[in-house]
């Protein structure tokens, strides 16, 4: 065990130090995404990713938001290569309405507008493939809890306030296929 531990520590200096990434799924859905991941040890990295969507679409449909999701990752084999498990936090500020979500999530979004904040915690699983010495591809999925605190508006365009409400959401909190530029 001490030889294996020492061997892993000796190759630690050769592991990538950090990477810059974008989530291609979010980008394809008109949401800008940017993240950075930093190696902390031979087993751990810190991923800090954020999203931003400033757009209002036809018929005043909107999914405006800004979010940040820091995640501590435990790598089964080595950082930036193979399987990882993550624990993450989530904060989002949003102004959404007129949108039909998949899988029946938040059905009121198609008829009302919501403006507020979300705070959450979750767990994820992912895998990174080495594409070249500088490029990786990552797939990840997360599940967790989000506390939503928002104001509900009668319709998408008029802005008549219906009231203030809070909700508790349990379900998917993260999905991604990310392209990563690795810096040694």
Protein backbone atom coordinates (compact mmCIF):
# COMPACT_ATOMS: atom_id res chain seq x y z
CA UNK A 1 0.00 0.00 0.00
CA UNK A 2 2.77 2.46 0.83
CA UNK A 3 4.43 1.79 -2.55
CA UNK A 4 1.15 2.40 -4.40
CA UNK A 5 0.51 5.55 -2.37
CA UNK A 6 4.04 6.81 -2.97
CA UNK A 7 3.81 5.98 -6.67
CA UNK A 8 0.55 7.92 -6.98
CA UNK A 9 2.07 10.90 -5.16
CA UNK A 10 5.14 10.85 -7.44
CA UNK A 11 3.01 11.06 -10.60
CA UNK A 12 0.76 13.75 -9.05
CA UNK A 13 2.94 16.45 -10.59
CA UNK A 14 2.18 15.08 -14.09
CA UNK A 15 -1.62 15.24 -13.74
CA UNK A 16 -3.30 18.24 -15.34
CA UNK A 17 -3.46 21.23 -13.01
CA UNK A 18 -6.65 22.81 -14.28
CA UNK A 19 -8.97 23.14 -17.23
CA UNK A 20 -11.44 25.57 -18.81
CA UNK A 21 -14.75 24.15 -20.00
CA UNK A 22 -18.07 24.84 -21.66
CA UNK A 23 -21.21 22.71 -21.40
CA UNK A 24 -22.25 21.99 -24.99
CA UNK A 25 -25.81 21.02 -23.95
CA UNK A 26 -26.43 24.41 -22.33
CA UNK A 27 -24.71 26.25 -25.18
CA UNK A 28 -26.99 24.48 -27.71
CA UNK A 29 -30.00 25.65 -25.65
CA UNK A 30 -28.92 29.34 -25.97
CA UNK A 31 -27.46 29.48 -22.46
CA UNK A 32 -23.85 30.60 -22.18
CA UNK A 33 -21.77 28.32 -19.97
CA UNK A 34 -18.26 28.61 -18.66
CA UNK A 35 -16.39 26.69 -16.03
CA UNK A 36 -12.99 25.98 -14.59
CA UNK A 37 -11.75 22.90 -12.77
CA UNK A 38 -8.73 22.86 -10.47
CA UNK A 39 -6.77 19.89 -9.16
CA UNK A 40 -6.59 19.90 -5.34
CA UNK A 41 -4.93 16.54 -4.70
CA UNK A 42 -4.28 13.19 -6.41
CA UNK A 43 -7.98 12.33 -5.87
CA UNK A 44 -9.86 15.67 -5.71
CA UNK A 45 -10.70 18.57 -8.01
CA UNK A 46 -12.87 21.65 -7.57
CA UNK A 47 -15.16 22.44 -10.51
CA UNK A 48 -16.79 25.88 -10.60
CA UNK A 49 -19.26 26.30 -13.44
CA UNK A 50 -21.69 29.05 -14.26
CA UNK A 51 -24.43 29.80 -16.79
CA UNK A 52 -26.03 32.95 -18.15
CA UNK A 53 -29.10 33.37 -20.35
CA UNK A 54 -30.15 36.99 -21.16
CA UNK A 55 -32.63 36.22 -23.95
CA UNK A 56 -36.34 36.88 -24.37
CA UNK A 57 -37.77 34.83 -27.24
CA UNK A 58 -40.89 35.19 -29.39
CA UNK A 59 -44.22 35.49 -27.53
CA UNK A 60 -42.21 36.81 -24.57
CA UNK A 61 -40.94 33.31 -23.70
CA UNK A 62 -37.97 33.62 -21.43
CA UNK A 63 -35.58 31.48 -19.49
CA UNK A 64 -33.41 34.31 -18.20
CA UNK A 65 -31.06 33.29 -15.44
CA UNK A 66 -27.60 33.43 -14.01
CA UNK A 67 -26.30 30.49 -11.98
CA UNK A 68 -23.18 29.15 -10.32
CA UNK A 69 -22.57 25.54 -9.28
CA UNK A 70 -19.33 24.72 -7.42
CA UNK A 71 -18.61 21.02 -7.11
CA UNK A 72 -16.01 18.98 -5.20
CA UNK A 73 -15.11 15.89 -7.23
CA UNK A 74 -13.58 12.61 -6.14
CA UNK A 75 -11.80 10.81 -8.98
CA UNK A 76 -11.75 7.01 -8.95
CA UNK A 77 -8.51 6.71 -10.94
CA UNK A 78 -6.92 10.13 -11.56
CA UNK A 79 -8.09 13.74 -12.02
CA UNK A 80 -9.36 14.65 -15.50
CA UNK A 81 -9.55 11.01 -16.61
CA UNK A 82 -12.29 8.44 -16.06
CA UNK A 83 -15.03 8.19 -13.44
CA UNK A 84 -15.78 10.78 -10.76
CA UNK A 85 -18.34 11.39 -8.02
CA UNK A 86 -19.27 14.92 -7.06
CA UNK A 87 -21.01 16.91 -4.32
CA UNK A 88 -22.21 20.34 -5.36
CA UNK A 89 -23.96 23.52 -4.30
CA UNK A 90 -26.21 25.59 -6.56
CA UNK A 91 -27.36 29.21 -6.69
CA UNK A 92 -29.55 30.66 -9.45
CA UNK A 93 -31.31 33.96 -9.99
CA UNK A 94 -34.09 33.56 -12.56
CA UNK A 95 -36.87 35.25 -14.54
CA UNK A 96 -38.67 32.54 -16.50
CA UNK A 97 -42.06 32.09 -18.15
CA UNK A 98 -43.92 30.82 -21.18
CA UNK A 99 -41.71 27.73 -21.34
CA UNK A 100 -42.76 24.08 -21.41
CA UNK A 101 -40.18 22.01 -19.55
CA UNK A 102 -39.40 18.37 -20.41
CA UNK A 103 -40.69 15.47 -18.31
CA UNK A 104 -43.49 17.63 -16.84
CA UNK A 105 -41.05 19.52 -14.59
CA UNK A 106 -42.56 22.84 -13.40
CA UNK A 107 -45.81 22.66 -15.45
CA UNK A 108 -46.88 26.21 -14.38
CA UNK A 109 -43.97 27.73 -16.34
CA UNK A 110 -45.96 27.64 -19.57
CA UNK A 111 -48.76 29.88 -18.14
CA UNK A 112 -47.00 32.05 -15.54
CA UNK A 113 -43.80 33.99 -15.10
CA UNK A 114 -41.58 33.42 -12.06
CA UNK A 115 -38.87 35.74 -10.79
CA UNK A 116 -36.67 34.79 -7.86
CA UNK A 117 -33.77 32.77 -6.49
CA UNK A 118 -32.92 29.10 -6.04
CA UNK A 119 -30.50 27.52 -3.55
CA UNK A 120 -29.57 23.88 -3.76
CA UNK A 121 -27.34 20.94 -3.02
CA UNK A 122 -26.77 17.80 -5.04
CA UNK A 123 -24.68 14.83 -6.02
CA UNK A 124 -23.36 13.86 -9.43
CA UNK A 125 -21.64 11.16 -11.40
CA UNK A 126 -19.51 11.78 -14.46
CA UNK A 127 -16.86 10.51 -16.77
CA UNK A 128 -14.09 12.27 -18.70
CA UNK A 129 -12.49 10.98 -21.88
CA UNK A 130 -9.03 12.06 -23.00
CA UNK A 131 -9.32 13.31 -26.58
CA UNK A 132 -5.74 14.59 -26.87
CA UNK A 133 -3.03 15.97 -24.60
CA UNK A 134 -5.01 19.23 -24.18
CA UNK A 135 -8.66 18.31 -24.87
CA UNK A 136 -11.16 16.24 -22.85
CA UNK A 137 -14.83 15.44 -23.20
CA UNK A 138 -17.00 15.07 -20.09
CA UNK A 139 -20.46 13.64 -19.51
CA UNK A 140 -22.13 14.32 -16.15
CA UNK A 141 -25.53 14.03 -14.50
CA UNK A 142 -26.62 15.28 -11.09
CA UNK A 143 -29.58 14.90 -8.78
CA UNK A 144 -30.46 16.97 -5.75
CA UNK A 145 -32.64 19.43 -3.86
CA UNK A 146 -33.37 23.09 -4.67
CA UNK A 147 -35.25 25.61 -2.51
CA UNK A 148 -37.05 28.10 -4.78
CA UNK A 149 -38.13 31.53 -3.51
CA UNK A 150 -39.95 33.60 -6.14
CA UNK A 151 -42.75 35.92 -7.13
CA UNK A 152 -45.42 34.53 -9.46
CA UNK A 153 -46.91 36.76 -12.14
CA UNK A 154 -50.33 36.26 -13.78
CA UNK A 155 -49.14 36.09 -17.35
CA UNK A 156 -45.94 36.24 -19.31
CA UNK A 157 -46.34 39.77 -20.68
CA UNK A 158 -48.52 41.89 -18.41
CA UNK A 159 -46.70 41.41 -15.12
CA UNK A 160 -49.71 41.32 -12.77
CA UNK A 161 -48.35 39.98 -9.49
CA UNK A 162 -50.20 36.93 -8.16
CA UNK A 163 -48.13 36.42 -5.03
CA UNK A 164 -44.95 35.26 -3.43
CA UNK A 165 -44.26 31.56 -2.92
CA UNK A 166 -41.59 29.04 -2.05
CA UNK A 167 -41.20 25.56 -3.45
CA UNK A 168 -39.06 22.52 -2.75
CA UNK A 169 -37.72 20.67 -5.78
CA UNK A 170 -36.14 17.21 -5.80
CA UNK A 171 -34.86 15.97 -9.14
CA UNK A 172 -32.20 16.50 -11.80
CA UNK A 173 -29.99 19.50 -10.99
CA UNK A 174 -27.19 19.00 -13.48
CA UNK A 175 -26.71 17.57 -16.96
CA UNK A 176 -23.79 18.12 -19.22
CA UNK A 177 -21.62 17.19 -22.12
CA UNK A 178 -18.64 19.50 -21.75
CA UNK A 179 -15.64 20.24 -23.89
CA UNK A 180 -12.56 20.94 -21.75
CA UNK A 181 -9.25 22.60 -22.58
CA UNK A 182 -6.73 21.14 -20.12
CA UNK A 183 -3.81 23.19 -18.83
CA UNK A 184 -0.96 21.25 -17.26
